[in-house]
Amino acid sequence: MKIQFIGATETVTGSKYLLQTDRRTLMIDCGMFQGLKNTRMRNWQPLPIDPSKVDAVLLTHAHVDHSGYLPALMKQGFTGPIYCSHATFSLCQILLPDAGYLQEEDARYANRGKFSHHQPAEPLYTEQDAIKVLKQFKVLNFHENHTILDDFQIYFHPAGHILGASSIRIQHGRKSITFSGDVGRPDDLIMYPPESIRNTDYLVVESTYGDRKHPQINAFTEMRDIIKRTVNRGGIVLLPAFAVGRAQLALFIIEQLRAKKEIPKVPVFLNSPMAISATELFFDLQEKHRLNRSQCKSIDHMVTFVKTKAESIELVTRKDPCIIISASGMASGGRVLHHLKALLPNPHNSVLFLGYQAAGSRGYNLTHDHDKVKIHGEYVPVNAEVHNLEALSSHGDYQQIINWLKPLAEPKKIFVTHGETTAADAMRGHIKEQLGWQDVVVPEYLDSFEL
């Protein structure tokens, strides 16, 4: 059995791993690359394998950096099944068509404005491509052994992080390998903690926060102060949020602050069709997270869902104090860009990010004191307050992941991925020092290893 790393090396995006035997090829996760231009360009480069030769894909969860390349894989010839948890499939039914639609919209906007280097600009895939690939999904239950392709035993562990997120253990013959996926936090305000795994011969583990711990801050107090300060000076608070997970967390915190009368009762808007659909699904799957029915109902009563393009355009022109939550969480595309163009030049406004910002993304630039940012081919001055509450990230920090790994007997080899170079190497060091595990490596792009 051989593993090859064709994504999520030296970066937190584009998660893709090939697991090959003499007879079969599995792909674990199939994500899009985001962030730096050189990294994003990999979305357009040929894969190191003919997609028609991939027998099946296994998804750890629905975020587009883990699932967003699936329609492109299908366009290139992949016809096999895609295995995931029930909630992951439900979310992919929302996220993938929306991702295709946004790519089409961005291409149309670039062509109208003539600011793309490619003439004409084209989407990587369309909304219809995304709808088509959904027919290949097959759902698997947590905590059950499943046999796929006659050769592999598959077991899904809940990983926290977002609805449906999984760590996946794959057994082939006498060998086993586990892919952590994105590991959630034991103290997440809305998601249950990740379940530890007990045994595996090989381990692929994420390292998004491999070089740091989450700051010990009170998220309610931090958000309260930013909202109060902004509203009191007549400004608008914009929260670029990942449509699945962080958007719902932001709504929960804001609702709690309003209920306790700790912030002014200004209108709250959710301006992202994808986040709206994910929030509605979140309300439907109440057994999968910590929020009870009453809390979900209170959030629903508080927020105004901005569904149509006309409503979104009207909201962009708004001048009165309010709170706007919009995707994407790294400001890489979508409706949030129009809000940023309108709000960043005004020092009365505030922009509040809620988690990890990949190097090269607009979110990274904005949270690293850039005085201007490029949006739709033009530079926009940054005069608004900009904050990032990394303590609200849905990823465990290095110590939380170490604690998650402690019940596990030492694997034969550990591969550290899904982190920037310094974070992945720091995570490697923490695993060796705290757990005493010896064979820990940080793979590079396209590296392969015999298991």
Protein backbone atom coordinates (compact mmCIF):
# COMPACT_ATOMS: atom_id res chain seq x y z
CA MET A 1 0.00 0.00 0.00
CA LYS A 2 1.31 3.44 -0.94
CA ILE A 3 0.26 6.96 0.03
CA GLN A 4 0.90 10.09 -2.02
CA PHE A 5 0.33 13.65 -0.84
CA ILE A 6 -1.20 15.74 -3.64
CA GLY A 7 -2.61 18.53 -1.44
CA ALA A 8 -2.52 20.12 2.03
CA THR A 9 1.29 20.11 2.09
CA GLU A 10 2.98 23.37 3.12
CA THR A 11 -0.53 24.86 3.15
CA VAL A 12 -3.90 24.34 4.85
CA THR A 13 -5.85 24.03 1.61
CA GLY A 14 -6.39 21.61 -1.25
CA SER A 15 -6.58 18.48 0.92
CA LYS A 16 -6.07 15.41 -1.30
CA TYR A 17 -4.36 12.12 -0.53
CA LEU A 18 -3.99 9.08 -2.79
CA LEU A 19 -3.98 5.63 -1.19
CA GLN A 20 -3.02 2.92 -3.67
CA THR A 21 -2.79 -0.86 -3.64
CA ASP A 22 -2.00 -3.23 -6.49
CA ARG A 23 -5.70 -3.27 -7.42
CA ARG A 24 -7.32 -0.09 -6.17
CA THR A 25 -6.84 3.67 -5.80
CA LEU A 26 -8.65 5.71 -3.14
CA MET A 27 -8.61 9.48 -2.82
CA ILE A 28 -9.12 10.79 0.69
CA ASP A 29 -10.57 14.30 0.48
CA CYS A 30 -10.76 16.24 -2.76
CA GLY A 31 -10.36 19.89 -1.85
CA MET A 32 -9.74 23.11 -3.73
CA PHE A 33 -6.57 25.11 -3.22
CA GLN A 34 -7.02 28.61 -1.80
CA GLY A 35 -4.79 31.48 -0.70
CA LEU A 36 -1.62 32.41 -2.60
CA LYS A 37 -1.91 32.65 -6.38
CA ASN A 38 0.76 29.98 -6.96
CA THR A 39 -1.21 27.68 -4.68
CA ARG A 40 -4.57 28.47 -6.33
CA MET A 41 -3.10 27.72 -9.75
CA ARG A 42 -2.76 24.06 -8.72
CA ASN A 43 -6.54 23.80 -9.15
CA TRP A 44 -5.92 24.13 -12.90
CA GLN A 45 -2.92 21.80 -13.12
CA PRO A 46 -3.27 18.12 -14.08
CA LEU A 47 -3.41 15.67 -11.19
CA PRO A 48 -0.57 13.12 -10.90
CA ILE A 49 -3.13 10.41 -11.66
CA ASP A 50 -5.78 9.98 -14.33
CA PRO A 51 -9.04 10.79 -12.47
CA SER A 52 -10.76 7.92 -14.28
CA LYS A 53 -8.37 5.55 -12.45
CA VAL A 54 -9.59 6.68 -9.00
CA ASP A 55 -11.95 3.98 -7.70
CA ALA A 56 -13.54 5.97 -4.86
CA VAL A 57 -13.26 9.15 -2.81
CA LEU A 58 -13.67 9.35 0.98
CA LEU A 59 -14.53 12.76 2.48
CA THR A 60 -13.64 13.78 6.01
CA HIS A 61 -16.01 16.78 5.86
CA ALA A 62 -17.75 19.28 3.60
CA HIS A 63 -15.58 22.41 3.69
CA VAL A 64 -14.51 23.28 0.14
CA ASP A 65 -10.80 22.92 0.92
CA HIS A 66 -11.68 19.23 1.44
CA SER A 67 -14.58 18.69 -0.98
CA GLY A 68 -14.58 21.58 -3.46
CA TYR A 69 -12.55 19.89 -6.23
CA LEU A 70 -15.02 16.99 -6.63
CA PRO A 71 -16.95 18.49 -9.58
CA ALA A 72 -13.65 19.15 -11.38
CA LEU A 73 -12.54 15.57 -10.69
CA MET A 74 -15.79 14.32 -12.19
CA LYS A 75 -15.36 16.54 -15.26
CA GLN A 76 -11.96 14.91 -15.81
CA GLY A 77 -13.36 11.38 -15.79
CA PHE A 78 -13.95 10.24 -12.21
CA THR A 79 -17.09 8.07 -12.06
CA GLY A 80 -16.70 6.24 -8.73
CA PRO A 81 -18.55 6.54 -5.43
CA ILE A 82 -17.94 9.31 -2.89
CA TYR A 83 -18.27 8.11 0.71
CA CYS A 84 -19.01 10.43 3.62
CA SER A 85 -21.21 10.89 6.69
CA HIS A 86 -24.90 11.85 6.42
CA ALA A 87 -24.38 15.46 7.53
CA THR A 88 -21.39 15.88 5.21
CA PHE A 89 -23.55 14.87 2.25
CA SER A 90 -26.30 17.26 3.37
CA LEU A 91 -23.78 20.09 3.54
CA CYS A 92 -22.16 19.19 0.21
CA GLN A 93 -25.62 19.48 -1.37
CA ILE A 94 -25.46 23.13 -0.26
CA LEU A 95 -21.77 23.98 -0.59
CA LEU A 96 -20.81 22.44 -3.92
CA PRO A 97 -23.57 23.96 -6.11
CA ASP A 98 -23.00 27.29 -4.37
CA ALA A 99 -19.25 27.04 -5.06
CA GLY A 100 -19.99 26.37 -8.73
CA TYR A 101 -22.42 29.27 -8.90
CA LEU A 102 -19.93 31.65 -7.26
CA GLN A 103 -17.23 30.64 -9.73
CA GLU A 104 -19.59 31.36 -12.61
CA GLU A 105 -20.52 34.72 -11.06
CA ASP A 106 -16.88 35.67 -10.46
CA ALA A 107 -16.02 34.74 -14.06
CA ARG A 108 -18.91 36.85 -15.41
CA TYR A 109 -17.92 39.77 -13.19
CA ALA A 110 -14.27 39.49 -14.29
CA ASN A 111 -15.28 39.40 -17.95
CA ARG A 112 -17.51 42.46 -17.58
CA GLY A 113 -14.76 44.37 -15.78
CA LYS A 114 -11.99 42.97 -17.99
CA PHE A 115 -9.69 42.54 -14.97
CA SER A 116 -8.89 38.86 -15.42
CA HIS A 117 -5.56 37.76 -16.91
CA HIS A 118 -7.51 35.08 -18.81
CA GLN A 119 -9.78 36.11 -21.68
CA PRO A 120 -12.39 35.00 -21.27
CA ALA A 121 -12.30 34.07 -17.57
CA GLU A 122 -13.86 30.65 -17.00
CA PRO A 123 -15.00 28.83 -13.87
CA LEU A 124 -13.21 25.67 -12.77
CA TYR A 125 -16.66 24.08 -12.84
CA THR A 126 -20.28 25.18 -12.96
CA GLU A 127 -23.27 24.88 -10.67
CA GLN A 128 -24.62 22.12 -12.92
CA ASP A 129 -21.32 20.21 -12.66
CA ALA A 130 -21.65 20.34 -8.87
CA ILE A 131 -25.25 19.13 -8.96
CA LYS A 132 -24.22 16.26 -11.21
CA VAL A 133 -21.42 15.01 -8.95
CA LEU A 134 -23.83 14.78 -5.99
CA LYS A 135 -25.33 11.69 -7.65
CA GLN A 136 -22.09 9.83 -6.86
CA PHE A 137 -22.35 10.31 -3.08
CA LYS A 138 -22.97 7.38 -0.72
CA VAL A 139 -23.47 7.96 3.01
CA LEU A 140 -21.94 5.84 5.77
CA ASN A 141 -22.86 5.82 9.47
CA PHE A 142 -20.47 6.70 12.26
CA HIS A 143 -19.24 3.92 14.58
CA GLU A 144 -19.81 1.13 12.08
CA ASN A 145 -17.42 -1.00 10.01
CA HIS A 146 -18.12 -0.66 6.29
CA THR A 147 -16.62 -2.71 3.47
CA ILE A 148 -16.01 -0.85 0.21
CA LEU A 149 -14.57 -2.07 -3.11
CA ASP A 150 -14.27 -5.55 -1.52
CA ASP A 151 -10.80 -4.69 -0.20
CA PHE A 152 -11.18 -1.93 2.40
CA GLN A 153 -12.76 -1.70 5.85
CA ILE A 154 -13.84 1.87 6.62
CA TYR A 155 -14.68 3.36 10.03
CA PHE A 156 -15.87 6.95 10.61
CA HIS A 157 -15.11 8.69 13.94
CA PRO A 158 -16.82 12.02 14.80
CA ALA A 159 -14.15 14.73 14.63
CA GLY A 160 -16.04 17.77 15.94
CA HIS A 161 -15.06 20.78 13.78
CA ILE A 162 -18.36 21.08 11.82
CA LEU A 163 -21.50 19.03 11.25
CA GLY A 164 -20.59 15.60 9.90
CA ALA A 165 -16.82 16.04 10.26
CA SER A 166 -15.01 12.71 10.48
CA SER A 167 -11.70 11.07 11.11
CA ILE A 168 -11.52 8.07 8.79
CA ARG A 169 -9.79 4.78 9.59
CA ILE A 170 -9.03 2.59 6.57
CA GLN A 171 -8.05 -1.07 6.99
CA HIS A 172 -6.55 -3.04 4.09
CA GLY A 173 -5.46 -6.55 4.95
CA ARG A 174 -3.43 -6.23 8.14
CA LYS A 175 -2.54 -2.58 7.61
CA SER A 176 -4.53 0.43 8.80
CA ILE A 177 -4.21 4.16 8.26
CA THR A 178 -6.26 6.95 9.81
CA PHE A 179 -6.82 10.42 8.37
CA SER A 180 -7.64 12.92 11.11
CA GLY A 181 -9.44 15.38 8.85
CA ASP A 182 -9.86 18.71 10.63
CA VAL A 183 -9.92 18.07 14.36
CA GLY A 184 -12.40 20.12 16.37
CA ARG A 185 -12.02 21.59 19.84
CA PRO A 186 -13.11 20.11 23.15
CA ASP A 187 -14.32 23.56 24.23
CA ASP A 188 -16.18 24.58 21.07
CA LEU A 189 -19.28 26.59 21.95
CA ILE A 190 -21.60 24.80 19.52
CA MET A 191 -19.97 21.53 18.38
CA TYR A 192 -19.37 18.37 20.43
CA PRO A 193 -15.72 17.40 21.11
CA PRO A 194 -13.85 15.13 18.69
CA GLU A 195 -13.77 11.44 19.61
CA SER A 196 -10.29 9.99 20.08
CA ILE A 197 -9.09 7.10 17.97
CA ARG A 198 -7.61 4.02 19.67
CA ASN A 199 -5.37 2.22 17.21
CA THR A 200 -3.91 2.63 13.75
CA ASP A 201 -0.70 1.61 12.03
CA TYR A 202 -0.28 4.92 10.22
CA LEU A 203 -1.68 8.38 10.92
CA VAL A 204 -2.17 11.51 8.82
CA VAL A 205 -2.82 14.43 11.20
CA GLU A 206 -3.63 18.08 10.57
CA SER A 207 -1.51 20.97 11.90
CA THR A 208 -3.44 24.17 11.12
CA TYR A 209 -2.49 25.55 14.55
CA GLY A 210 0.58 23.37 14.99
CA ASP A 211 2.71 26.30 16.13
CA ARG A 212 0.37 28.00 18.57
CA LYS A 213 -2.31 27.71 21.21
CA HIS A 214 -5.61 29.53 21.00
CA PRO A 215 -5.52 32.68 23.14
CA GLN A 216 -7.42 32.45 26.39
CA ILE A 217 -9.92 35.22 25.77
CA ASN A 218 -13.62 35.61 26.39
CA ALA A 219 -15.15 35.59 22.91
CA PHE A 220 -18.38 37.12 24.20
CA THR A 221 -16.52 40.05 25.77
CA GLU A 222 -14.32 40.61 22.73
CA MET A 223 -17.21 40.60 20.29
CA ARG A 224 -19.35 42.73 22.63
CA ASP A 225 -16.70 45.43 22.85
CA ILE A 226 -16.13 45.58 19.09
CA ILE A 227 -19.86 45.76 18.34
CA LYS A 228 -20.59 48.40 21.00
CA ARG A 229 -17.66 50.58 19.97
CA THR A 230 -18.59 50.41 16.29
CA VAL A 231 -22.32 50.99 16.73
CA ASN A 232 -21.72 53.88 19.14
CA ARG A 233 -19.76 55.72 16.47
CA GLY A 234 -22.44 55.03 13.87
CA GLY A 235 -20.61 52.24 12.04
CA ILE A 236 -21.42 48.81 10.64
CA VAL A 237 -19.84 45.55 11.83
CA LEU A 238 -19.02 43.07 9.06
CA LEU A 239 -18.16 39.49 9.96
CA PRO A 240 -16.65 37.49 7.05
CA ALA A 241 -17.47 33.96 8.22
CA PHE A 242 -17.16 30.44 6.94
CA ALA A 243 -20.67 29.54 5.86
CA VAL A 244 -20.62 26.27 7.78
CA GLY A 245 -19.73 26.47 11.45
CA ARG A 246 -18.43 29.96 12.12
CA ALA A 247 -21.49 31.76 10.73
CA GLN A 248 -23.70 29.77 13.11
CA LEU A 249 -21.31 30.39 16.00
CA ALA A 250 -21.34 34.13 15.32
CA LEU A 251 -25.15 34.16 15.30
CA PHE A 252 -25.22 32.28 18.61
CA ILE A 253 -22.83 34.72 20.33
CA ILE A 254 -24.65 37.78 18.99
CA GLU A 255 -28.03 36.36 20.08
CA GLN A 256 -26.69 35.69 23.58
CA LEU A 257 -25.27 39.22 23.84
CA ARG A 258 -28.55 40.74 22.68
CA ALA A 259 -30.57 38.61 25.10
CA LYS A 260 -28.43 39.89 27.98
CA LYS A 261 -28.71 43.46 26.61
CA GLU A 262 -24.92 43.73 26.40
CA ILE A 263 -24.98 45.12 22.85
CA PRO A 264 -27.34 47.59 21.15
CA LYS A 265 -30.35 45.99 19.47
CA VAL A 266 -29.35 46.76 15.89
CA PRO A 267 -30.47 44.67 12.89
CA VAL A 268 -28.53 41.47 12.19
CA PHE A 269 -28.26 40.23 8.60
CA LEU A 270 -26.98 36.93 7.23
CA ASN A 271 -26.03 37.66 3.62
CA SER A 272 -24.91 34.36 2.11
CA PRO A 273 -27.27 31.87 0.47
CA MET A 274 -24.87 29.09 1.41
CA ALA A 275 -24.69 30.17 5.06
CA ILE A 276 -28.49 30.56 5.17
CA SER A 277 -29.00 27.01 3.93
CA ALA A 278 -26.34 25.70 6.32
CA THR A 279 -28.01 27.52 9.22
CA GLU A 280 -31.39 26.01 8.35
CA LEU A 281 -29.75 22.56 8.23
CA PHE A 282 -28.10 23.31 11.57
CA PHE A 283 -31.52 23.95 13.07
CA ASP A 284 -32.80 20.66 11.62
CA LEU A 285 -29.92 18.55 13.02
CA GLN A 286 -30.12 19.61 16.64
CA GLU A 287 -28.91 16.25 17.96
CA LYS A 288 -25.58 16.84 16.18
CA HIS A 289 -24.54 19.93 18.14
CA ARG A 290 -24.82 21.64 21.53
CA LEU A 291 -27.55 24.20 20.79
CA ASN A 292 -31.05 23.34 21.96
CA ARG A 293 -34.33 24.02 20.16
CA SER A 294 -35.01 27.21 22.13
CA GLN A 295 -31.62 28.70 21.26
CA CYS A 296 -32.07 27.86 17.57
CA LYS A 297 -35.50 29.47 17.59
CA SER A 298 -34.15 32.64 19.21
CA ILE A 299 -31.43 32.91 16.58
CA ASP A 300 -33.99 32.41 13.83
CA HIS A 301 -36.17 35.21 15.21
CA MET A 302 -33.22 37.59 15.52
CA VAL A 303 -31.59 37.33 12.10
CA THR A 304 -32.76 38.59 8.73
CA PHE A 305 -31.86 36.21 5.91
CA VAL A 306 -30.73 38.10 2.79
CA LYS A 307 -31.56 35.66 0.01
CA THR A 308 -31.91 37.53 -3.28
CA LYS A 309 -29.33 39.45 -5.25
CA ALA A 310 -31.52 42.56 -5.10
CA GLU A 311 -31.71 42.36 -1.30
CA SER A 312 -27.92 41.93 -1.14
CA ILE A 313 -27.32 44.97 -3.35
CA GLU A 314 -29.63 47.03 -1.15
CA LEU A 315 -27.81 45.89 1.98
CA VAL A 316 -24.44 46.92 0.52
CA THR A 317 -25.71 50.51 0.28
CA ARG A 318 -26.89 50.58 3.90
CA LYS A 319 -25.40 53.34 6.07
CA ASP A 320 -27.16 52.85 9.42
CA PRO A 321 -25.53 50.73 12.19
CA CYS A 322 -26.09 47.00 11.84
CA ILE A 323 -24.28 43.65 11.97
CA ILE A 324 -23.68 41.78 8.71
CA ILE A 325 -22.44 38.19 8.50
CA SER A 326 -21.36 37.13 5.02
CA ALA A 327 -19.22 34.45 3.38
CA SER A 328 -16.48 33.65 2.65
CA GLY A 329 -14.49 33.40 5.87
CA MET A 330 -11.19 34.36 4.21
CA ALA A 331 -12.82 36.97 1.96
CA SER A 332 -11.80 34.93 -1.08
CA GLY A 333 -15.07 35.46 -2.96
CA GLY A 334 -18.82 35.84 -2.72
CA ARG A 335 -21.05 38.63 -1.45
CA VAL A 336 -18.66 39.63 1.32
CA LEU A 337 -16.39 41.30 -1.26
CA HIS A 338 -19.05 43.88 -2.13
CA HIS A 339 -19.48 44.66 1.57
CA LEU A 340 -15.72 45.04 2.03
CA LYS A 341 -15.51 47.48 -0.89
CA ALA A 342 -18.28 49.57 0.65
CA LEU A 343 -17.17 49.42 4.30
CA LEU A 344 -13.35 49.30 4.41
CA PRO A 345 -12.75 52.98 3.47
CA ASN A 346 -14.85 54.26 6.40
CA PRO A 347 -13.08 54.38 9.82
CA HIS A 348 -16.45 54.18 11.59
CA ASN A 349 -16.86 50.55 10.47
CA SER A 350 -15.31 47.33 11.75
CA VAL A 351 -14.45 44.04 10.06
CA LEU A 352 -14.22 41.02 12.33
CA PHE A 353 -12.73 37.74 11.06
CA LEU A 354 -13.41 34.56 13.02
CA GLY A 355 -10.63 32.10 12.37
CA TYR A 356 -7.67 30.96 10.33
CA GLN A 357 -6.62 33.08 7.35
CA ALA A 358 -4.51 31.30 4.74
CA ALA A 359 -1.40 33.11 3.53
CA GLY A 360 -2.18 35.13 0.42
CA SER A 361 -5.91 35.37 1.09
CA ARG A 362 -7.58 38.77 1.43
CA GLY A 363 -8.39 37.82 4.99
CA TYR A 364 -4.70 37.29 5.68
CA ASN A 365 -3.78 40.63 4.14
CA LEU A 366 -6.50 42.47 6.03
CA THR A 367 -5.53 40.93 9.38
CA HIS A 368 -1.85 41.71 8.81
CA ASP A 369 -2.16 45.49 8.68
CA HIS A 370 -2.23 46.05 4.92
CA ASP A 371 -3.34 49.62 4.19
CA LYS A 372 -5.14 48.57 1.00
CA VAL A 373 -6.53 45.37 -0.47
CA LYS A 374 -7.31 44.37 -4.04
CA ILE A 375 -10.96 43.56 -4.77
CA HIS A 376 -12.42 43.08 -8.24
CA GLY A 377 -9.31 44.44 -9.91
CA GLU A 378 -8.99 47.66 -7.90
CA TYR A 379 -7.32 48.62 -4.64
CA VAL A 380 -9.57 49.60 -1.74
CA PRO A 381 -8.15 51.63 1.17
CA VAL A 382 -8.37 49.99 4.59
CA ASN A 383 -9.51 52.59 7.12
CA ALA A 384 -11.99 50.47 9.08
CA GLU A 385 -10.99 48.61 12.23
CA VAL A 386 -9.96 45.04 11.41
CA HIS A 387 -9.87 42.23 13.96
CA ASN A 388 -9.47 38.46 13.94
CA LEU A 389 -10.80 36.37 16.83
CA GLU A 390 -8.66 33.29 16.18
CA ALA A 391 -9.90 31.95 19.51
CA LEU A 392 -13.15 31.19 17.66
CA SER A 393 -11.46 28.88 15.18
CA SER A 394 -13.11 25.47 14.77
CA HIS A 395 -9.69 23.77 14.65
CA GLY A 396 -8.01 22.42 17.74
CA ASP A 397 -4.69 24.05 18.58
CA TYR A 398 -1.55 21.94 18.90
CA GLN A 399 -2.08 21.12 22.57
CA GLN A 400 -5.71 20.15 22.02
CA ILE A 401 -4.67 17.83 19.19
CA ILE A 402 -1.88 16.34 21.31
CA ASN A 403 -4.45 15.64 24.03
CA TRP A 404 -6.75 14.09 21.41
CA LEU A 405 -3.91 11.78 20.35
CA LYS A 406 -2.86 10.66 23.86
CA PRO A 407 -5.16 7.57 24.05
CA LEU A 408 -3.68 6.29 20.78
CA ALA A 409 -0.93 3.65 20.81
CA GLU A 410 2.13 4.86 18.90
CA PRO A 411 1.61 4.39 15.14
CA LYS A 412 4.40 3.08 12.93
CA LYS A 413 4.59 6.42 11.13
CA ILE A 414 2.87 9.79 11.47
CA PHE A 415 2.44 12.23 8.59
CA VAL A 416 1.84 15.88 9.55
CA THR A 417 -0.15 17.82 6.93
CA HIS A 418 -2.71 20.63 6.53
CA GLY A 419 -0.50 23.38 7.94
CA GLU A 420 1.83 26.11 6.76
CA THR A 421 5.47 24.99 6.74
CA THR A 422 6.36 26.36 10.17
CA ALA A 423 3.13 25.11 11.76
CA ALA A 424 3.53 21.58 10.38
CA ASP A 425 7.14 21.35 11.52
CA ALA A 426 6.21 22.70 14.96
CA MET A 427 3.46 20.07 15.22
CA ARG A 428 6.00 17.39 14.31
CA GLY A 429 8.16 18.58 17.20
CA HIS A 430 5.28 18.63 19.68
CA ILE A 431 4.29 15.06 18.77
CA LYS A 432 7.84 13.80 19.25
CA GLU A 433 8.46 15.72 22.48
CA GLN A 434 5.13 15.25 24.24
CA LEU A 435 4.08 11.82 23.01
CA GLY A 436 7.52 10.32 22.48
CA TRP A 437 6.61 9.07 19.01
CA GLN A 438 9.69 8.75 16.84
CA ASP A 439 8.76 8.38 13.19
CA VAL A 440 7.05 11.69 12.46
CA VAL A 441 7.46 13.34 9.06
CA VAL A 442 6.19 16.44 7.24
CA PRO A 443 5.56 15.43 3.61
CA GLU A 444 6.16 17.80 0.71
CA TYR A 445 3.92 18.23 -2.31
CA LEU A 446 3.70 14.99 -4.36
CA ASP A 447 5.80 12.99 -1.87
CA SER A 448 4.87 9.32 -1.71
CA PHE A 449 5.60 6.61 0.89
CA GLU A 450 5.30 2.85 0.98
CA LEU A 451 3.29 1.68 3.99
